[in-house]
C-alpha atoms as a PDB file:
ATOM      1  CA  MET A   1       0.028   0.016  -0.042  1.00  0.00           C
ATOM      2  CA  THR A   2       2.916   2.445   0.804  1.00  0.00           C
ATOM      3  CA  ASP A   3       4.309   1.671  -2.667  1.00  0.00           C
ATOM      4  CA  ILE A   4       1.166   2.775  -4.297  1.00  0.00           C
ATOM      5  CA  LEU A   5       1.106   6.025  -2.284  1.00  0.00           C
ATOM      6  CA  SER A   6       4.554   6.819  -2.875  1.00  0.00           C
ATOM      7  CA  PHE A   7       3.897   6.280  -6.549  1.00  0.00           C
ATOM      8  CA  PHE A   8       1.147   8.760  -6.596  1.00  0.00           C
ATOM      9  CA  LEU A   9       2.861  11.302  -4.563  1.00  0.00           C
ATOM     10  CA  LEU A  10       5.914  11.027  -6.806  1.00  0.00           C
ATOM     11  CA  TYR A  11       3.955  11.579  -9.940  1.00  0.00           C
ATOM     12  CA  ARG A  12       1.069  13.622  -8.661  1.00  0.00           C
ATOM     13  CA  GLU A  13       1.516  16.352 -11.460  1.00  0.00           C
ATOM     14  CA  ALA A  14       1.495  13.820 -14.166  1.00  0.00           C
ATOM     15  CA  ILE A  15      -1.547  12.094 -12.736  1.00  0.00           C
ATOM     16  CA  PHE A  16      -3.212  15.710 -12.233  1.00  0.00           C
ATOM     17  CA  VAL A  17      -2.683  16.344 -15.889  1.00  0.00           C
ATOM     18  CA  ILE A  18      -3.978  12.910 -17.001  1.00  0.00           C
ATOM     19  CA  ILE A  19      -7.221  13.412 -15.117  1.00  0.00           C
ATOM     20  CA  LEU A  20      -7.702  16.960 -16.512  1.00  0.00           C
ATOM     21  CA  SER A  21      -7.038  15.625 -19.895  1.00  0.00           C
ATOM     22  CA  ILE A  22      -9.776  13.048 -19.539  1.00  0.00           C
ATOM     23  CA  PHE A  23     -12.278  15.524 -18.315  1.00  0.00           C
ATOM     24  CA  LEU A  24     -11.306  18.089 -21.105  1.00  0.00           C
ATOM     25  CA  GLY A  25     -11.583  15.232 -23.797  1.00  0.00           C
ATOM     26  CA  ILE A  26     -15.116  14.200 -22.504  1.00  0.00           C
ATOM     27  CA  GLU A  27     -16.204  17.983 -22.630  1.00  0.00           C
ATOM     28  CA  VAL A  28     -14.866  18.489 -26.210  1.00  0.00           C
ATOM     29  CA  ILE A  29     -16.301  15.252 -27.627  1.00  0.00           C
ATOM     30  CA  SER A  30     -19.782  15.842 -26.060  1.00  0.00           C
ATOM     31  CA  HIS A  31     -20.005  19.204 -27.713  1.00  0.00           C
ATOM     32  CA  VAL A  32     -19.228  17.964 -31.295  1.00  0.00           C
ATOM     33  CA  PRO A  33     -22.251  18.086 -33.586  1.00  0.00           C
ATOM     34  CA  SER A  34     -23.470  14.827 -34.854  1.00  0.00           C
ATOM     35  CA  VAL A  35     -22.824  15.815 -38.502  1.00  0.00           C
ATOM     36  CA  LEU A  36     -18.967  16.029 -37.778  1.00  0.00           C
ATOM     37  CA  HIS A  37     -18.696  13.057 -35.527  1.00  0.00           C
ATOM     38  CA  THR A  38     -18.046  10.311 -38.026  1.00  0.00           C
ATOM     39  CA  PRO A  39     -15.440  12.328 -40.152  1.00  0.00           C
ATOM     40  CA  LEU A  40     -13.548  13.325 -36.899  1.00  0.00           C
ATOM     41  CA  MET A  41     -13.756   9.780 -35.520  1.00  0.00           C
ATOM     42  CA  SER A  42     -12.577   8.125 -38.660  1.00  0.00           C
ATOM     43  CA  GLY A  43      -9.801  10.575 -38.779  1.00  0.00           C
ATOM     44  CA  ALA A  44      -8.860   9.867 -35.137  1.00  0.00           C
ATOM     45  CA  ASN A  45      -8.831   6.133 -36.101  1.00  0.00           C
ATOM     46  CA  ALA A  46      -6.421   6.831 -38.711  1.00  0.00           C
ATOM     47  CA  ILE A  47      -3.968   7.886 -35.880  1.00  0.00           C
ATOM     48  CA  HIS A  48      -3.732   4.206 -35.246  1.00  0.00           C
ATOM     49  CA  GLY A  49      -1.256   3.966 -37.955  1.00  0.00           C
ATOM     50  CA  VAL A  50       1.271   5.295 -35.375  1.00  0.00           C
ATOM     51  CA  VAL A  51       0.161   2.307 -33.110  1.00  0.00           C
ATOM     52  CA  ILE A  52       0.730  -0.001 -35.846  1.00  0.00           C
ATOM     53  CA  ILE A  53       4.239   1.240 -36.730  1.00  0.00           C
ATOM     54  CA  GLY A  54       5.064   1.257 -32.957  1.00  0.00           C
ATOM     55  CA  ALA A  55       3.840  -2.374 -32.629  1.00  0.00           C
ATOM     56  CA  ILE A  56       5.893  -3.519 -35.414  1.00  0.00           C
ATOM     57  CA  ILE A  57       9.010  -2.022 -33.852  1.00  0.00           C
ATOM     58  CA  VAL A  58       8.350  -3.636 -30.638  1.00  0.00           C
ATOM     59  CA  MET A  59       7.868  -6.949 -32.448  1.00  0.00           C
ATOM     60  CA  GLY A  60      11.105  -6.382 -34.387  1.00  0.00           C
ATOM     61  CA  HIS A  61      12.981  -6.037 -31.046  1.00  0.00           C
ATOM     62  CA  ALA A  62      11.204  -8.654 -29.083  1.00  0.00           C
ATOM     63  CA  ARG A  63      13.378 -11.416 -27.670  1.00  0.00           C
ATOM     64  CA  GLU A  64      10.619 -13.191 -25.752  1.00  0.00           C
ATOM     65  CA  ILE A  65       7.151 -14.524 -26.684  1.00  0.00           C
ATOM     66  CA  LEU A  66       5.114 -12.138 -24.625  1.00  0.00           C
ATOM     67  CA  PRO A  67       6.150  -8.876 -26.354  1.00  0.00           C
ATOM     68  CA  MET A  68       5.814 -10.636 -29.686  1.00  0.00           C
ATOM     69  CA  VAL A  69       2.306 -11.877 -28.971  1.00  0.00           C
ATOM     70  CA  LEU A  70       1.343  -8.216 -27.527  1.00  0.00           C
ATOM     71  CA  GLY A  71       2.986  -6.540 -30.740  1.00  0.00           C
ATOM     72  CA  PHE A  72       0.966  -8.807 -33.090  1.00  0.00           C
ATOM     73  CA  ILE A  73      -2.230  -8.169 -31.173  1.00  0.00           C
ATOM     74  CA  ALA A  74      -1.593  -4.486 -31.303  1.00  0.00           C
ATOM     75  CA  VAL A  75      -0.811  -4.637 -35.088  1.00  0.00           C
ATOM     76  CA  VAL A  76      -4.139  -6.551 -35.765  1.00  0.00           C
ATOM     77  CA  LEU A  77      -6.440  -4.436 -33.484  1.00  0.00           C
ATOM     78  CA  GLY A  78      -4.679  -1.174 -35.015  1.00  0.00           C
ATOM     79  CA  THR A  79      -5.218  -2.431 -38.560  1.00  0.00           C
ATOM     80  CA  LEU A  80      -8.875  -3.119 -37.875  1.00  0.00           C
ATOM     81  CA  ASN A  81      -9.454   0.256 -36.347  1.00  0.00           C
ATOM     82  CA  VAL A  82      -7.806   2.103 -39.283  1.00  0.00           C
ATOM     83  CA  VAL A  83      -9.780  -0.029 -41.970  1.00  0.00           C
ATOM     84  CA  GLY A  84     -12.967   0.417 -39.867  1.00  0.00           C
ATOM     85  CA  GLY A  85     -12.515   4.044 -39.708  1.00  0.00           C
ATOM     86  CA  PHE A  86     -11.938   4.461 -43.501  1.00  0.00           C
ATOM     87  CA  VAL A  87     -15.123   2.045 -44.154  1.00  0.00           C
ATOM     88  CA  VAL A  88     -17.262   4.292 -41.961  1.00  0.00           C
ATOM     89  CA  THR A  89     -16.113   7.599 -43.757  1.00  0.00           C
ATOM     90  CA  ASP A  90     -16.703   5.865 -47.191  1.00  0.00           C
ATOM     91  CA  ARG A  91     -20.446   4.931 -46.056  1.00  0.00           C
ATOM     92  CA  MET A  92     -20.929   8.298 -44.769  1.00  0.00           C
ATOM     93  CA  LEU A  93     -19.632   9.914 -47.898  1.00  0.00           C
ATOM     94  CA  GLU A  94     -21.865   7.585 -49.982  1.00  0.00           C
ATOM     95  CA  MET A  95     -24.845   9.116 -48.369  1.00  0.00           C
ATOM     96  CA  PHE A  96     -23.858  12.438 -50.012  1.00  0.00           C
ATOM     97  CA  ARG A  97     -23.294  11.351 -53.502  1.00  0.00           C
ATOM     98  CA  LYS A  98     -25.806  11.729 -56.483  1.00  0.00           C
ATOM     99  CA  LYS A  99     -27.288   8.483 -57.582  1.00  0.00           C
ATOM    100  CA  LYS A 100     -26.100   7.514 -61.242  1.00  0.00           C
ATOM    101  CA  ASN A 101     -29.779   7.718 -62.687  1.00  0.00           C
ATOM    102  CA  GLN A 102     -30.752  11.063 -60.975  1.00  0.00           C
ATOM    103  CA  LYS A 103     -29.499  14.414 -62.417  1.00  0.00           C
END
């Protein structure tokens, strides 16, 4: 218990910033209009490309099985998130395209 307390006391500024960031993020996201929500979320999902690159680097330096497995899972989940974000964006943009038989 004293280890946990000393950790919080040592890193209290960083923990405070993280907590404030969480509240700020919730406040910003809750005020995004529904029209902009899908494009913003798909763009945020594209940031997972960084996660994919980081996971590939971790897998390249892995000497044990656990980092290799965690890196592989991160690559798979990050790729699914990126592809899913672009699929959602494509579907959203499809709603605004004119039909071929309409003028």
